[in-house]
Amino acid sequence: MKQYILDNLQNFTYMNDKGLTDFLISIVISLVLGMLIFLAYRITYTGVAYSKRFNVSLVMLSMITTMVMAVISNNIALSLGMVGALSIVRFRTAVKDSRDTTFIFWCIAVGICCGVAQFALAAVGSGIIFLFLIVMGQVRTDGKYLYIIRCGQKDEKEVESIMFLYFRNVQLRAKNMQGNEVEFIYELSERALKKAKRTHEEDVTERLFALETLSAANLVMQTDDMSR
């Protein structure tokens, strides 16, 4: 019975030198590619809520996935058991940015490739993704702004006329009325704001504050970090 247990341990684990060497190679390559992902995330992140903990977790995820794949790659029964065990795990941390989700999948893919000794596939794929991120990281999207205006009902029509004069394609997101006060929420693009400054000598804010009942005019930039 004792000999039977030892034989099974040698068959299903990295007890021999060759298996241990292969595992060490896999885990080291996974670490190197994980650091490449770490570097890609750090370079291409453009927000103000950068999390170093999350970035370090990406490297750990690629190594952990490699370990799991190394264990279950040659054992169908163990792989089914692992799937069953993982299916009962509940992850409570919500990923707020879809970009972070893609990096998580990238780490898992690297871990799977390294776990089954597909090092060339992991390296080439990661290199292409890294170059793609560097190139696309230079592309900037047109920022969006919310223009929040509060005034009396007396100047309601005048505010609408001024906004249409300065921004022809302006979108009215909300119009709230409380007592004698009216609140407008407009959505503007950065391009529209720059165009309005070029085509009009007087700034739209100065024009609005010339109104008698205007109480506030706030310009707020919409960013992905606001949801964090």
C-alpha atoms as a PDB file:
ATOM      1  CA  MET A   1       0.000   0.000   0.000  1.00  0.00           C
ATOM      2  CA  LYS A   2       2.816   2.384   0.890  1.00  0.00           C
ATOM      3  CA  GLN A   3       4.603   1.655  -2.385  1.00  0.00           C
ATOM      4  CA  TYR A   4       1.340   2.243  -4.308  1.00  0.00           C
ATOM      5  CA  ILE A   5       0.934   5.698  -2.754  1.00  0.00           C
ATOM      6  CA  LEU A   6       4.528   6.630  -3.557  1.00  0.00           C
ATOM      7  CA  ASP A   7       4.143   5.514  -7.165  1.00  0.00           C
ATOM      8  CA  ASN A   8       1.016   7.626  -7.583  1.00  0.00           C
ATOM      9  CA  LEU A   9       2.720  10.647  -6.094  1.00  0.00           C
ATOM     10  CA  GLN A  10       5.560  10.278  -8.585  1.00  0.00           C
ATOM     11  CA  ASN A  11       3.157   9.922 -11.489  1.00  0.00           C
ATOM     12  CA  PHE A  12       0.936  12.908 -10.713  1.00  0.00           C
ATOM     13  CA  THR A  13       3.371  15.432  -9.230  1.00  0.00           C
ATOM     14  CA  TYR A  14       6.715  16.998 -10.029  1.00  0.00           C
ATOM     15  CA  MET A  15       8.703  14.655  -7.804  1.00  0.00           C
ATOM     16  CA  ASN A  16      11.398  13.829 -10.344  1.00  0.00           C
ATOM     17  CA  ASP A  17      14.211  16.154 -11.382  1.00  0.00           C
ATOM     18  CA  LYS A  18      13.066  16.487 -14.995  1.00  0.00           C
ATOM     19  CA  GLY A  19       9.568  17.492 -13.984  1.00  0.00           C
ATOM     20  CA  LEU A  20      10.864  19.992 -11.438  1.00  0.00           C
ATOM     21  CA  THR A  21      13.232  21.524 -13.984  1.00  0.00           C
ATOM     22  CA  ASP A  22      10.432  21.900 -16.535  1.00  0.00           C
ATOM     23  CA  PHE A  23       8.245  23.528 -13.915  1.00  0.00           C
ATOM     24  CA  LEU A  24      10.969  26.000 -12.925  1.00  0.00           C
ATOM     25  CA  ILE A  25      11.489  26.960 -16.561  1.00  0.00           C
ATOM     26  CA  SER A  26       7.737  27.484 -16.978  1.00  0.00           C
ATOM     27  CA  ILE A  27       7.381  29.596 -13.856  1.00  0.00           C
ATOM     28  CA  VAL A  28      10.417  31.776 -14.699  1.00  0.00           C
ATOM     29  CA  ILE A  29       9.184  32.443 -18.241  1.00  0.00           C
ATOM     30  CA  SER A  30       5.737  33.190 -16.822  1.00  0.00           C
ATOM     31  CA  LEU A  31       7.363  35.692 -14.442  1.00  0.00           C
ATOM     32  CA  VAL A  32       9.264  37.387 -17.289  1.00  0.00           C
ATOM     33  CA  LEU A  33       6.133  37.689 -19.446  1.00  0.00           C
ATOM     34  CA  GLY A  34       4.174  38.818 -16.392  1.00  0.00           C
ATOM     35  CA  MET A  35       6.667  41.656 -15.908  1.00  0.00           C
ATOM     36  CA  LEU A  36       6.132  42.571 -19.569  1.00  0.00           C
ATOM     37  CA  ILE A  37       2.400  42.830 -18.825  1.00  0.00           C
ATOM     38  CA  PHE A  38       3.242  44.885 -15.716  1.00  0.00           C
ATOM     39  CA  LEU A  39       5.289  47.272 -17.860  1.00  0.00           C
ATOM     40  CA  ALA A  40       2.582  47.480 -20.537  1.00  0.00           C
ATOM     41  CA  TYR A  41      -0.097  48.340 -17.980  1.00  0.00           C
ATOM     42  CA  ARG A  42       2.091  50.987 -16.324  1.00  0.00           C
ATOM     43  CA  ILE A  43       3.098  52.671 -19.584  1.00  0.00           C
ATOM     44  CA  THR A  44      -0.308  52.695 -21.241  1.00  0.00           C
ATOM     45  CA  TYR A  45      -2.377  53.680 -18.196  1.00  0.00           C
ATOM     46  CA  THR A  46      -3.608  57.253 -18.718  1.00  0.00           C
ATOM     47  CA  GLY A  47      -5.879  57.781 -15.721  1.00  0.00           C
ATOM     48  CA  VAL A  48      -5.151  59.213 -12.281  1.00  0.00           C
ATOM     49  CA  ALA A  49      -6.271  56.159 -10.257  1.00  0.00           C
ATOM     50  CA  TYR A  50      -3.358  53.864 -11.122  1.00  0.00           C
ATOM     51  CA  SER A  51      -3.197  50.904  -8.717  1.00  0.00           C
ATOM     52  CA  LYS A  52       0.213  49.322  -8.244  1.00  0.00           C
ATOM     53  CA  ARG A  53      -1.389  46.537  -6.226  1.00  0.00           C
ATOM     54  CA  PHE A  54      -3.574  45.555  -9.164  1.00  0.00           C
ATOM     55  CA  ASN A  55      -0.570  45.661 -11.484  1.00  0.00           C
ATOM     56  CA  VAL A  56       1.457  43.375  -9.184  1.00  0.00           C
ATOM     57  CA  SER A  57      -1.563  41.064  -8.973  1.00  0.00           C
ATOM     58  CA  LEU A  58      -1.398  40.656 -12.756  1.00  0.00           C
ATOM     59  CA  VAL A  59       2.113  39.207 -12.498  1.00  0.00           C
ATOM     60  CA  MET A  60       0.990  36.899  -9.706  1.00  0.00           C
ATOM     61  CA  LEU A  61      -2.020  35.780 -11.756  1.00  0.00           C
ATOM     62  CA  SER A  62       0.133  34.647 -14.679  1.00  0.00           C
ATOM     63  CA  MET A  63       2.394  32.635 -12.339  1.00  0.00           C
ATOM     64  CA  ILE A  64      -0.520  31.087 -10.435  1.00  0.00           C
ATOM     65  CA  THR A  65      -2.196  30.059 -13.684  1.00  0.00           C
ATOM     66  CA  THR A  66       1.067  28.430 -14.759  1.00  0.00           C
ATOM     67  CA  MET A  67       1.153  26.448 -11.520  1.00  0.00           C
ATOM     68  CA  VAL A  68      -2.444  25.288 -11.961  1.00  0.00           C
ATOM     69  CA  MET A  69      -1.853  24.253 -15.579  1.00  0.00           C
ATOM     70  CA  ALA A  70       1.318  22.399 -14.623  1.00  0.00           C
ATOM     71  CA  VAL A  71      -0.662  20.330 -12.130  1.00  0.00           C
ATOM     72  CA  ILE A  72      -3.714  19.489 -14.252  1.00  0.00           C
ATOM     73  CA  SER A  73      -2.210  19.330 -17.761  1.00  0.00           C
ATOM     74  CA  ASN A  74      -1.549  15.570 -17.666  1.00  0.00           C
ATOM     75  CA  ASN A  75      -4.399  14.495 -15.422  1.00  0.00           C
ATOM     76  CA  ILE A  76      -7.968  14.611 -16.719  1.00  0.00           C
ATOM     77  CA  ALA A  77      -9.510  13.560 -13.401  1.00  0.00           C
ATOM     78  CA  LEU A  78      -7.600  16.246 -11.523  1.00  0.00           C
ATOM     79  CA  SER A  79      -8.531  18.885 -14.103  1.00  0.00           C
ATOM     80  CA  LEU A  80     -12.230  18.099 -13.689  1.00  0.00           C
ATOM     81  CA  GLY A  81     -11.861  18.289  -9.943  1.00  0.00           C
ATOM     82  CA  MET A  82     -10.106  21.651 -10.234  1.00  0.00           C
ATOM     83  CA  VAL A  83     -12.920  23.042 -12.407  1.00  0.00           C
ATOM     84  CA  GLY A  84     -15.433  21.893  -9.812  1.00  0.00           C
ATOM     85  CA  ALA A  85     -13.452  23.493  -7.000  1.00  0.00           C
ATOM     86  CA  LEU A  86     -13.075  26.811  -8.812  1.00  0.00           C
ATOM     87  CA  SER A  87     -16.774  26.889  -9.720  1.00  0.00           C
ATOM     88  CA  ILE A  88     -17.721  27.405  -6.063  1.00  0.00           C
ATOM     89  CA  VAL A  89     -15.385  30.372  -5.598  1.00  0.00           C
ATOM     90  CA  ARG A  90     -17.097  33.764  -5.525  1.00  0.00           C
ATOM     91  CA  PHE A  91     -15.012  36.810  -6.429  1.00  0.00           C
ATOM     92  CA  ARG A  92     -16.492  39.897  -4.761  1.00  0.00           C
ATOM     93  CA  THR A  93     -14.123  42.501  -6.217  1.00  0.00           C
ATOM     94  CA  ALA A  94     -15.760  44.164  -9.206  1.00  0.00           C
ATOM     95  CA  VAL A  95     -13.626  45.152 -12.190  1.00  0.00           C
ATOM     96  CA  LYS A  96     -14.824  48.672 -13.009  1.00  0.00           C
ATOM     97  CA  ASP A  97     -12.792  49.203 -16.174  1.00  0.00           C
ATOM     98  CA  SER A  98     -13.141  46.900 -19.182  1.00  0.00           C
ATOM     99  CA  ARG A  99      -9.489  47.602 -19.955  1.00  0.00           C
ATOM    100  CA  ASP A 100      -8.465  45.905 -16.695  1.00  0.00           C
ATOM    101  CA  THR A 101     -10.469  42.828 -17.723  1.00  0.00           C
ATOM    102  CA  THR A 102      -8.439  42.468 -20.909  1.00  0.00           C
ATOM    103  CA  PHE A 103      -5.194  42.533 -18.919  1.00  0.00           C
ATOM    104  CA  ILE A 104      -6.558  39.805 -16.625  1.00  0.00           C
ATOM    105  CA  PHE A 105      -7.355  37.615 -19.649  1.00  0.00           C
ATOM    106  CA  TRP A 106      -3.891  38.345 -21.044  1.00  0.00           C
ATOM    107  CA  CYS A 107      -2.286  37.087 -17.816  1.00  0.00           C
ATOM    108  CA  ILE A 108      -4.442  33.960 -17.794  1.00  0.00           C
ATOM    109  CA  ALA A 109      -3.554  33.239 -21.426  1.00  0.00           C
ATOM    110  CA  VAL A 110       0.170  33.618 -20.654  1.00  0.00           C
ATOM    111  CA  GLY A 111      -0.160  31.315 -17.654  1.00  0.00           C
ATOM    112  CA  ILE A 112      -1.970  28.666 -19.690  1.00  0.00           C
ATOM    113  CA  CYS A 113       0.641  28.777 -22.466  1.00  0.00           C
ATOM    114  CA  CYS A 114       3.542  28.557 -20.016  1.00  0.00           C
ATOM    115  CA  GLY A 115       1.824  25.784 -18.075  1.00  0.00           C
ATOM    116  CA  VAL A 116       1.680  23.580 -21.186  1.00  0.00           C
ATOM    117  CA  ALA A 117       5.195  24.593 -22.348  1.00  0.00           C
ATOM    118  CA  GLN A 118       4.005  26.710 -25.295  1.00  0.00           C
ATOM    119  CA  PHE A 119       6.620  29.358 -24.613  1.00  0.00           C
ATOM    120  CA  ALA A 120       7.004  30.592 -28.192  1.00  0.00           C
ATOM    121  CA  LEU A 121       3.258  31.150 -28.483  1.00  0.00           C
ATOM    122  CA  ALA A 122       3.168  33.063 -25.194  1.00  0.00           C
ATOM    123  CA  ALA A 123       6.199  35.201 -26.091  1.00  0.00           C
ATOM    124  CA  VAL A 124       5.148  36.056 -29.651  1.00  0.00           C
ATOM    125  CA  GLY A 125       1.558  36.744 -28.653  1.00  0.00           C
ATOM    126  CA  SER A 126       2.590  38.938 -25.726  1.00  0.00           C
ATOM    127  CA  GLY A 127       5.063  40.840 -27.910  1.00  0.00           C
ATOM    128  CA  ILE A 128       2.406  41.616 -30.510  1.00  0.00           C
ATOM    129  CA  ILE A 129      -0.089  42.718 -27.838  1.00  0.00           C
ATOM    130  CA  PHE A 130       2.573  44.890 -26.177  1.00  0.00           C
ATOM    131  CA  LEU A 131       3.403  46.665 -29.443  1.00  0.00           C
ATOM    132  CA  PHE A 132      -0.299  47.126 -30.169  1.00  0.00           C
ATOM    133  CA  LEU A 133      -0.824  48.762 -26.773  1.00  0.00           C
ATOM    134  CA  ILE A 134       2.162  51.070 -27.244  1.00  0.00           C
ATOM    135  CA  VAL A 135       0.880  52.214 -30.658  1.00  0.00           C
ATOM    136  CA  MET A 136      -2.745  52.579 -29.620  1.00  0.00           C
ATOM    137  CA  GLY A 137      -1.704  54.290 -26.398  1.00  0.00           C
ATOM    138  CA  GLN A 138      -0.741  57.316 -28.481  1.00  0.00           C
ATOM    139  CA  VAL A 139      -4.325  57.654 -29.729  1.00  0.00           C
ATOM    140  CA  ARG A 140      -6.385  60.020 -27.601  1.00  0.00           C
ATOM    141  CA  THR A 141     -10.168  60.004 -27.553  1.00  0.00           C
ATOM    142  CA  ASP A 142     -12.147  63.226 -27.745  1.00  0.00           C
ATOM    143  CA  GLY A 143     -12.904  64.175 -24.142  1.00  0.00           C
ATOM    144  CA  LYS A 144     -16.488  64.698 -23.024  1.00  0.00           C
ATOM    145  CA  TYR A 145     -17.730  67.460 -20.752  1.00  0.00           C
ATOM    146  CA  LEU A 146     -20.895  68.213 -18.847  1.00  0.00           C
ATOM    147  CA  TYR A 147     -21.958  71.861 -18.792  1.00  0.00           C
ATOM    148  CA  ILE A 148     -24.269  72.434 -15.828  1.00  0.00           C
ATOM    149  CA  ILE A 149     -26.147  75.744 -15.886  1.00  0.00           C
ATOM    150  CA  ARG A 150     -28.560  77.097 -13.274  1.00  0.00           C
ATOM    151  CA  CYS A 151     -30.704  80.138 -13.866  1.00  0.00           C
ATOM    152  CA  GLY A 152     -34.175  81.551 -13.249  1.00  0.00           C
ATOM    153  CA  GLN A 153     -37.139  80.735 -15.463  1.00  0.00           C
ATOM    154  CA  LYS A 154     -36.935  84.246 -16.820  1.00  0.00           C
ATOM    155  CA  ASP A 155     -33.709  83.424 -18.735  1.00  0.00           C
ATOM    156  CA  GLU A 156     -34.619  79.847 -19.689  1.00  0.00           C
ATOM    157  CA  LYS A 157     -35.073  80.572 -23.374  1.00  0.00           C
ATOM    158  CA  GLU A 158     -32.024  82.829 -23.462  1.00  0.00           C
ATOM    159  CA  VAL A 159     -29.771  80.052 -22.106  1.00  0.00           C
ATOM    160  CA  GLU A 160     -31.037  77.641 -24.753  1.00  0.00           C
ATOM    161  CA  SER A 161     -30.403  80.234 -27.484  1.00  0.00           C
ATOM    162  CA  ILE A 162     -26.847  80.935 -26.296  1.00  0.00           C
ATOM    163  CA  MET A 163     -25.939  77.254 -26.105  1.00  0.00           C
ATOM    164  CA  PHE A 164     -27.314  76.603 -29.582  1.00  0.00           C
ATOM    165  CA  LEU A 165     -25.440  79.648 -30.918  1.00  0.00           C
ATOM    166  CA  TYR A 166     -22.093  78.479 -29.544  1.00  0.00           C
ATOM    167  CA  PHE A 167     -22.572  74.728 -29.981  1.00  0.00           C
ATOM    168  CA  ARG A 168     -24.802  73.716 -32.894  1.00  0.00           C
ATOM    169  CA  ASN A 169     -24.706  69.981 -32.078  1.00  0.00           C
ATOM    170  CA  VAL A 170     -25.007  70.338 -28.322  1.00  0.00           C
ATOM    171  CA  GLN A 171     -26.954  67.573 -26.566  1.00  0.00           C
ATOM    172  CA  LEU A 172     -29.270  68.397 -23.698  1.00  0.00           C
ATOM    173  CA  ARG A 173     -28.982  65.488 -21.232  1.00  0.00           C
ATOM    174  CA  ALA A 174     -31.291  66.798 -18.524  1.00  0.00           C
ATOM    175  CA  LYS A 175     -33.473  69.772 -17.690  1.00  0.00           C
ATOM    176  CA  ASN A 176     -34.551  70.075 -14.060  1.00  0.00           C
ATOM    177  CA  MET A 177     -37.018  72.627 -12.717  1.00  0.00           C
ATOM    178  CA  GLN A 178     -37.485  73.455  -9.045  1.00  0.00           C
ATOM    179  CA  GLY A 179     -39.530  76.464  -8.046  1.00  0.00           C
ATOM    180  CA  ASN A 180     -38.356  79.386 -10.143  1.00  0.00           C
ATOM    181  CA  GLU A 181     -34.957  77.838 -10.887  1.00  0.00           C
ATOM    182  CA  VAL A 182     -34.030  75.807 -13.991  1.00  0.00           C
ATOM    183  CA  GLU A 183     -31.014  73.516 -14.275  1.00  0.00           C
ATOM    184  CA  PHE A 184     -29.618  72.503 -17.670  1.00  0.00           C
ATOM    185  CA  ILE A 185     -27.131  69.654 -18.147  1.00  0.00           C
ATOM    186  CA  TYR A 186     -25.496  69.698 -21.585  1.00  0.00           C
ATOM    187  CA  GLU A 187     -22.997  67.193 -22.963  1.00  0.00           C
ATOM    188  CA  LEU A 188     -20.177  68.727 -25.003  1.00  0.00           C
ATOM    189  CA  SER A 189     -17.096  67.399 -26.728  1.00  0.00           C
ATOM    190  CA  GLU A 190     -13.634  68.888 -26.334  1.00  0.00           C
ATOM    191  CA  ARG A 191     -13.606  69.603 -30.061  1.00  0.00           C
ATOM    192  CA  ALA A 192     -16.824  71.624 -29.772  1.00  0.00           C
ATOM    193  CA  LEU A 193     -15.388  73.705 -26.918  1.00  0.00           C
ATOM    194  CA  LYS A 194     -12.239  74.538 -28.884  1.00  0.00           C
ATOM    195  CA  LYS A 195     -14.257  75.404 -31.978  1.00  0.00           C
ATOM    196  CA  ALA A 196     -16.492  77.749 -29.960  1.00  0.00           C
ATOM    197  CA  LYS A 197     -13.443  79.593 -28.616  1.00  0.00           C
ATOM    198  CA  ARG A 198     -12.055  80.045 -32.129  1.00  0.00           C
ATOM    199  CA  THR A 199     -15.286  81.259 -33.743  1.00  0.00           C
ATOM    200  CA  HIS A 200     -16.534  83.602 -30.980  1.00  0.00           C
ATOM    201  CA  GLU A 201     -14.685  86.520 -29.483  1.00  0.00           C
ATOM    202  CA  GLU A 202     -16.660  86.377 -26.238  1.00  0.00           C
ATOM    203  CA  ASP A 203     -16.406  83.191 -24.160  1.00  0.00           C
ATOM    204  CA  VAL A 204     -19.652  81.304 -23.612  1.00  0.00           C
ATOM    205  CA  THR A 205     -19.230  81.552 -19.827  1.00  0.00           C
ATOM    206  CA  GLU A 206     -18.967  85.341 -19.996  1.00  0.00           C
ATOM    207  CA  ARG A 207     -22.043  85.448 -22.197  1.00  0.00           C
ATOM    208  CA  LEU A 208     -24.011  83.306 -19.755  1.00  0.00           C
ATOM    209  CA  PHE A 209     -22.967  85.308 -16.680  1.00  0.00           C
ATOM    210  CA  ALA A 210     -24.261  88.430 -18.372  1.00  0.00           C
ATOM    211  CA  LEU A 211     -27.760  87.056 -17.780  1.00  0.00           C
ATOM    212  CA  GLU A 212     -29.606  88.534 -14.846  1.00  0.00           C
ATOM    213  CA  THR A 213     -30.776  85.332 -13.130  1.00  0.00           C
ATOM    214  CA  LEU A 214     -27.798  83.055 -13.786  1.00  0.00           C
ATOM    215  CA  SER A 215     -26.596  81.508 -10.501  1.00  0.00           C
ATOM    216  CA  ALA A 216     -24.028  78.896 -11.644  1.00  0.00           C
ATOM    217  CA  ALA A 217     -22.261  77.577 -14.745  1.00  0.00           C
ATOM    218  CA  ASN A 218     -20.050  74.523 -14.104  1.00  0.00           C
ATOM    219  CA  LEU A 219     -17.962  72.640 -16.653  1.00  0.00           C
ATOM    220  CA  VAL A 220     -17.183  69.041 -15.560  1.00  0.00           C
ATOM    221  CA  MET A 221     -14.995  66.613 -17.525  1.00  0.00           C
ATOM    222  CA  GLN A 222     -16.217  63.035 -17.804  1.00  0.00           C
ATOM    223  CA  THR A 223     -13.466  60.433 -17.291  1.00  0.00           C
ATOM    224  CA  ASP A 224     -13.354  56.692 -16.648  1.00  0.00           C
ATOM    225  CA  ASP A 225     -11.750  57.295 -13.250  1.00  0.00           C
ATOM    226  CA  MET A 226     -14.899  58.968 -11.950  1.00  0.00           C
ATOM    227  CA  SER A 227     -16.510  55.560 -11.609  1.00  0.00           C
ATOM    228  CA  ARG A 228     -13.706  54.142  -9.443  1.00  0.00           C
END
